[in-house]
Every structure is written in structure tokens, then in C-alpha cells.
Amino acid sequence: MNYLLLYALFSAKLCSMKLEIIIGNNVRGFRNRMEVSQEKLAELADVHRTFIGTIERAEQSISAATISKLAKALKVEPFVLLIKDSFLHGEQYQKLK
């Protein structure tokens, strides 16, 4: 198993935050860094526009496939969305094009 994935999973446990909250905060944070709307992110990730708000508010668990689609749209690796407050250090995580 990838050490970074293990770190992400353990950091979620250690910080005592629900994983849905960590993912939601990171999706919102990276989306804001990219200066795109929820609707535009939904289009880029091929999900329904209202689903982005649901994710950002941590109202629903999401699948690994959805995490992967969001990560691709946000230009980060999927594990990055599992690390608490990773959007604050976005320049370290976002892929340069």
C-alpha cells in the first residue's frame, strides 16, 4: 500500500474529523483556489452540479470513483483530498500544466 495513502488515512483518524468533512473542505478549498464555481467543477468532474455542494457540506459519503473524478478536475492526486487542509498547501499538491 502506498505510504502517502496510509498517511492520509491516519491523519484523518488522528485529527478526529470525519473523512467527509476533510474531503468537503479540500474540494471547496481547491475549487476556490482554481476560481471555479460549483457548477463548473461539476461539469469538469462529470457529476451533477448539486452534488458538489452536498460534498462540500459533508452531507454524504462519496465513492472512490467520485474522489478520483474530483481529484482529476481539481488537478490533484486522489489521496490529496484525504489529507486534512491540504488545500492550504495547494502549490505542493496541484499538478502543473
N, C-alpha and C. Protein backbone atom coordinates (compact mmCIF):
# COMPACT_ATOMS: atom_id res chain seq x y z
N MET A 1 0.84 -1.19 0.00
CA MET A 1 0.00 0.00 0.00
C MET A 1 0.89 1.25 0.00
N ASN A 2 0.44 2.25 -0.67
CA ASN A 2 1.17 3.50 -0.80
C ASN A 2 1.28 4.19 0.57
N TYR A 3 2.48 4.63 0.93
CA TYR A 3 2.69 5.30 2.21
C TYR A 3 1.92 6.60 2.33
N LEU A 4 1.77 7.33 1.22
CA LEU A 4 1.03 8.58 1.26
C LEU A 4 -0.45 8.34 1.54
N LEU A 5 -0.98 7.25 0.99
CA LEU A 5 -2.37 6.92 1.26
C LEU A 5 -2.55 6.54 2.72
N LEU A 6 -1.61 5.78 3.26
CA LEU A 6 -1.66 5.44 4.68
C LEU A 6 -1.61 6.69 5.54
N TYR A 7 -0.73 7.60 5.18
CA TYR A 7 -0.62 8.87 5.93
C TYR A 7 -1.95 9.61 5.89
N ALA A 8 -2.56 9.67 4.72
CA ALA A 8 -3.83 10.38 4.58
C ALA A 8 -4.91 9.76 5.45
N LEU A 9 -4.98 8.45 5.43
CA LEU A 9 -5.99 7.77 6.23
C LEU A 9 -5.75 7.96 7.72
N PHE A 10 -4.51 7.86 8.16
CA PHE A 10 -4.21 8.04 9.57
C PHE A 10 -4.36 9.49 10.00
N SER A 11 -4.03 10.44 9.12
CA SER A 11 -4.20 11.84 9.51
C SER A 11 -5.67 12.15 9.73
N ALA A 12 -6.55 11.53 8.95
CA ALA A 12 -7.98 11.72 9.15
C ALA A 12 -8.41 11.16 10.50
N LYS A 13 -7.89 10.01 10.87
CA LYS A 13 -8.23 9.40 12.16
C LYS A 13 -7.67 10.23 13.31
N LEU A 14 -6.43 10.66 13.20
CA LEU A 14 -5.78 11.36 14.29
C LEU A 14 -6.39 12.73 14.56
N CYS A 15 -6.88 13.38 13.55
CA CYS A 15 -7.42 14.71 13.75
C CYS A 15 -8.86 14.67 14.24
N SER A 16 -9.42 13.49 14.36
CA SER A 16 -10.78 13.24 14.86
C SER A 16 -11.86 13.95 14.05
N MET A 17 -11.59 14.24 12.81
CA MET A 17 -12.60 14.79 11.91
C MET A 17 -13.12 13.66 11.04
N LYS A 18 -14.38 13.75 10.69
CA LYS A 18 -14.93 12.77 9.78
C LYS A 18 -14.28 12.97 8.41
N LEU A 19 -14.04 11.88 7.74
CA LEU A 19 -13.40 11.93 6.43
C LEU A 19 -14.23 12.76 5.45
N GLU A 20 -15.55 12.72 5.56
CA GLU A 20 -16.40 13.50 4.67
C GLU A 20 -16.14 15.00 4.82
N ILE A 21 -15.88 15.43 6.06
CA ILE A 21 -15.59 16.85 6.31
C ILE A 21 -14.25 17.23 5.70
N ILE A 22 -13.25 16.38 5.86
CA ILE A 22 -11.93 16.65 5.28
C ILE A 22 -12.03 16.75 3.77
N ILE A 23 -12.71 15.79 3.15
CA ILE A 23 -12.86 15.81 1.69
C ILE A 23 -13.62 17.06 1.25
N GLY A 24 -14.72 17.35 1.93
CA GLY A 24 -15.52 18.52 1.58
C GLY A 24 -14.75 19.82 1.68
N ASN A 25 -14.00 19.98 2.77
CA ASN A 25 -13.18 21.19 2.94
C ASN A 25 -12.14 21.30 1.84
N ASN A 26 -11.51 20.17 1.50
CA ASN A 26 -10.49 20.20 0.45
C ASN A 26 -11.08 20.48 -0.92
N VAL A 27 -12.23 19.89 -1.22
CA VAL A 27 -12.86 20.16 -2.52
C VAL A 27 -13.19 21.65 -2.62
N ARG A 28 -13.79 22.21 -1.58
CA ARG A 28 -14.11 23.65 -1.58
C ARG A 28 -12.84 24.49 -1.70
N GLY A 29 -11.82 24.13 -0.92
CA GLY A 29 -10.58 24.91 -0.93
C GLY A 29 -9.88 24.90 -2.27
N PHE A 30 -9.73 23.71 -2.87
CA PHE A 30 -9.08 23.63 -4.18
C PHE A 30 -9.94 24.29 -5.26
N ARG A 31 -11.27 24.15 -5.16
CA ARG A 31 -12.16 24.80 -6.13
C ARG A 31 -12.00 26.31 -6.05
N ASN A 32 -11.96 26.84 -4.85
CA ASN A 32 -11.78 28.29 -4.69
C ASN A 32 -10.41 28.74 -5.19
N ARG A 33 -9.37 27.94 -4.95
CA ARG A 33 -8.03 28.27 -5.47
C ARG A 33 -8.04 28.36 -6.99
N MET A 34 -8.83 27.47 -7.61
CA MET A 34 -8.93 27.47 -9.08
C MET A 34 -9.89 28.55 -9.59
N GLU A 35 -10.62 29.17 -8.66
CA GLU A 35 -11.59 30.20 -9.00
C GLU A 35 -12.65 29.70 -9.98
N VAL A 36 -13.21 28.52 -9.66
CA VAL A 36 -14.30 27.97 -10.47
C VAL A 36 -15.53 27.78 -9.58
N SER A 37 -16.68 27.87 -10.19
CA SER A 37 -17.93 27.69 -9.48
C SER A 37 -18.19 26.20 -9.22
N GLN A 38 -19.14 25.94 -8.35
CA GLN A 38 -19.55 24.55 -8.13
C GLN A 38 -20.07 23.95 -9.42
N GLU A 39 -20.79 24.73 -10.18
CA GLU A 39 -21.35 24.24 -11.44
C GLU A 39 -20.24 23.86 -12.42
N LYS A 40 -19.21 24.70 -12.53
CA LYS A 40 -18.10 24.41 -13.44
C LYS A 40 -17.33 23.17 -12.98
N LEU A 41 -17.09 23.05 -11.67
CA LEU A 41 -16.40 21.86 -11.17
C LEU A 41 -17.21 20.61 -11.46
N ALA A 42 -18.52 20.70 -11.28
CA ALA A 42 -19.39 19.55 -11.57
C ALA A 42 -19.25 19.14 -13.04
N GLU A 43 -19.20 20.12 -13.91
CA GLU A 43 -19.03 19.85 -15.34
C GLU A 43 -17.68 19.17 -15.60
N LEU A 44 -16.62 19.70 -14.99
CA LEU A 44 -15.28 19.13 -15.18
C LEU A 44 -15.17 17.70 -14.64
N ALA A 45 -15.87 17.43 -13.53
CA ALA A 45 -15.79 16.13 -12.88
C ALA A 45 -16.88 15.16 -13.36
N ASP A 46 -17.77 15.65 -14.21
CA ASP A 46 -18.87 14.83 -14.73
C ASP A 46 -19.76 14.29 -13.61
N VAL A 47 -20.15 15.21 -12.72
CA VAL A 47 -21.12 14.88 -11.67
C VAL A 47 -22.21 15.95 -11.70
N HIS A 48 -23.32 15.70 -11.04
CA HIS A 48 -24.42 16.67 -11.02
C HIS A 48 -24.00 17.90 -10.21
N ARG A 49 -24.43 19.06 -10.64
CA ARG A 49 -24.00 20.31 -10.01
C ARG A 49 -24.37 20.40 -8.54
N THR A 50 -25.52 19.87 -8.15
CA THR A 50 -25.91 19.94 -6.74
C THR A 50 -25.09 19.00 -5.87
N PHE A 51 -24.48 18.00 -6.49
CA PHE A 51 -23.67 17.03 -5.75
C PHE A 51 -22.42 17.69 -5.17
N ILE A 52 -21.87 18.68 -5.86
CA ILE A 52 -20.67 19.38 -5.36
C ILE A 52 -20.98 20.06 -4.03
N GLY A 53 -22.10 20.74 -3.93
CA GLY A 53 -22.50 21.37 -2.67
C GLY A 53 -22.70 20.35 -1.57
N THR A 54 -23.29 19.22 -1.91
CA THR A 54 -23.50 18.15 -0.94
C THR A 54 -22.17 17.63 -0.41
N ILE A 55 -21.20 17.49 -1.30
CA ILE A 55 -19.86 17.03 -0.90
C ILE A 55 -19.19 18.08 -0.02
N GLU A 56 -19.23 19.33 -0.44
CA GLU A 56 -18.57 20.40 0.31
C GLU A 56 -19.17 20.59 1.70
N ARG A 57 -20.44 20.31 1.86
CA ARG A 57 -21.09 20.40 3.17
C ARG A 57 -20.99 19.10 3.97
N ALA A 58 -20.31 18.11 3.42
CA ALA A 58 -20.10 16.80 4.06
C ALA A 58 -21.42 16.13 4.43
N GLU A 59 -22.39 16.25 3.56
CA GLU A 59 -23.70 15.68 3.83
C GLU A 59 -23.83 14.24 3.34
N GLN A 60 -22.81 13.77 2.61
CA GLN A 60 -22.92 12.43 2.04
C GLN A 60 -21.52 11.86 1.84
N SER A 61 -21.38 10.57 2.07
CA SER A 61 -20.12 9.88 1.75
C SER A 61 -20.05 9.74 0.23
N ILE A 62 -18.83 9.72 -0.28
CA ILE A 62 -18.68 9.57 -1.72
C ILE A 62 -17.77 8.39 -2.02
N SER A 63 -17.91 7.87 -3.21
CA SER A 63 -17.15 6.69 -3.62
C SER A 63 -15.73 7.06 -4.02
N ALA A 64 -14.90 6.04 -4.08
CA ALA A 64 -13.52 6.23 -4.54
C ALA A 64 -13.52 6.74 -5.99
N ALA A 65 -14.46 6.27 -6.79
CA ALA A 65 -14.53 6.72 -8.18
C ALA A 65 -14.83 8.22 -8.26
N THR A 66 -15.71 8.70 -7.39
CA THR A 66 -16.03 10.13 -7.37
C THR A 66 -14.86 10.94 -6.87
N ILE A 67 -14.16 10.43 -5.85
CA ILE A 67 -12.95 11.12 -5.36
C ILE A 67 -11.95 11.25 -6.50
N SER A 68 -11.80 10.19 -7.27
CA SER A 68 -10.86 10.21 -8.40
C SER A 68 -11.28 11.23 -9.45
N LYS A 69 -12.57 11.30 -9.77
CA LYS A 69 -13.05 12.27 -10.77
C LYS A 69 -12.87 13.70 -10.28
N LEU A 70 -13.16 13.93 -9.01
CA LEU A 70 -12.98 15.27 -8.45
C LEU A 70 -11.50 15.66 -8.44
N ALA A 71 -10.66 14.72 -8.04
CA ALA A 71 -9.22 15.00 -7.98
C ALA A 71 -8.69 15.37 -9.37
N LYS A 72 -9.11 14.63 -10.37
CA LYS A 72 -8.68 14.94 -11.74
C LYS A 72 -9.12 16.34 -12.14
N ALA A 73 -10.37 16.67 -11.84
CA ALA A 73 -10.89 18.00 -12.18
C ALA A 73 -10.16 19.11 -11.41
N LEU A 74 -9.76 18.80 -10.18
CA LEU A 74 -9.06 19.78 -9.34
C LEU A 74 -7.54 19.77 -9.56
N LYS A 75 -7.08 18.87 -10.40
CA LYS A 75 -5.65 18.75 -10.76
C LYS A 75 -4.79 18.37 -9.56
N VAL A 76 -5.29 17.41 -8.78
CA VAL A 76 -4.52 16.84 -7.66
C VAL A 76 -4.64 15.33 -7.72
N GLU A 77 -3.77 14.65 -7.01
CA GLU A 77 -3.88 13.20 -6.88
C GLU A 77 -5.03 12.91 -5.92
N PRO A 78 -5.73 11.80 -6.09
CA PRO A 78 -6.87 11.49 -5.23
C PRO A 78 -6.55 11.49 -3.73
N PHE A 79 -5.39 10.97 -3.33
CA PHE A 79 -5.08 10.90 -1.90
C PHE A 79 -5.01 12.28 -1.26
N VAL A 80 -4.74 13.31 -2.05
CA VAL A 80 -4.61 14.67 -1.51
C VAL A 80 -5.93 15.14 -0.89
N LEU A 81 -7.04 14.70 -1.44
CA LEU A 81 -8.33 15.10 -0.91
C LEU A 81 -8.61 14.48 0.46
N LEU A 82 -7.81 13.49 0.86
CA LEU A 82 -8.00 12.82 2.14
C LEU A 82 -7.12 13.39 3.25
N ILE A 83 -6.25 14.33 2.92
CA ILE A 83 -5.33 14.92 3.89
C ILE A 83 -5.94 16.20 4.43
N LYS A 84 -6.05 16.29 5.73
CA LYS A 84 -6.68 17.46 6.36
C LYS A 84 -6.01 18.76 5.90
N ASP A 85 -6.82 19.67 5.42
CA ASP A 85 -6.41 21.01 4.99
C ASP A 85 -5.30 21.03 3.93
N SER A 86 -5.28 20.03 3.07
CA SER A 86 -4.25 20.01 2.02
C SER A 86 -4.39 21.18 1.06
N PHE A 87 -5.60 21.73 0.92
CA PHE A 87 -5.79 22.86 0.00
C PHE A 87 -4.99 24.09 0.44
N LEU A 88 -4.66 24.17 1.73
CA LEU A 88 -3.87 25.30 2.22
C LEU A 88 -2.45 25.27 1.66
N HIS A 89 -2.02 24.12 1.23
CA HIS A 89 -0.67 23.94 0.66
C HIS A 89 -0.79 23.48 -0.79
N GLY A 90 -1.76 24.02 -1.47
CA GLY A 90 -2.11 23.58 -2.82
C GLY A 90 -0.97 23.57 -3.81
N GLU A 91 -0.08 24.54 -3.68
CA GLU A 91 1.03 24.60 -4.63
C GLU A 91 1.91 23.35 -4.55
N GLN A 92 1.91 22.69 -3.41
CA GLN A 92 2.69 21.45 -3.27
C GLN A 92 1.98 20.28 -3.90
N TYR A 93 0.66 20.36 -4.02
CA TYR A 93 -0.12 19.22 -4.45
C TYR A 93 -0.69 19.33 -5.87
N GLN A 94 -0.98 20.55 -6.32
CA GLN A 94 -1.63 20.68 -7.62
C GLN A 94 -0.64 20.43 -8.75
N LYS A 95 -1.14 19.72 -9.75
CA LYS A 95 -0.33 19.38 -10.91
C LYS A 95 -0.17 20.62 -11.76
N LEU A 96 1.02 20.84 -12.22
CA LEU A 96 1.28 21.97 -13.12
C LEU A 96 1.03 21.55 -14.55
N LYS A 97 0.38 22.39 -15.28
CA LYS A 97 0.11 22.08 -16.70
C LYS A 97 0.92 22.97 -17.58
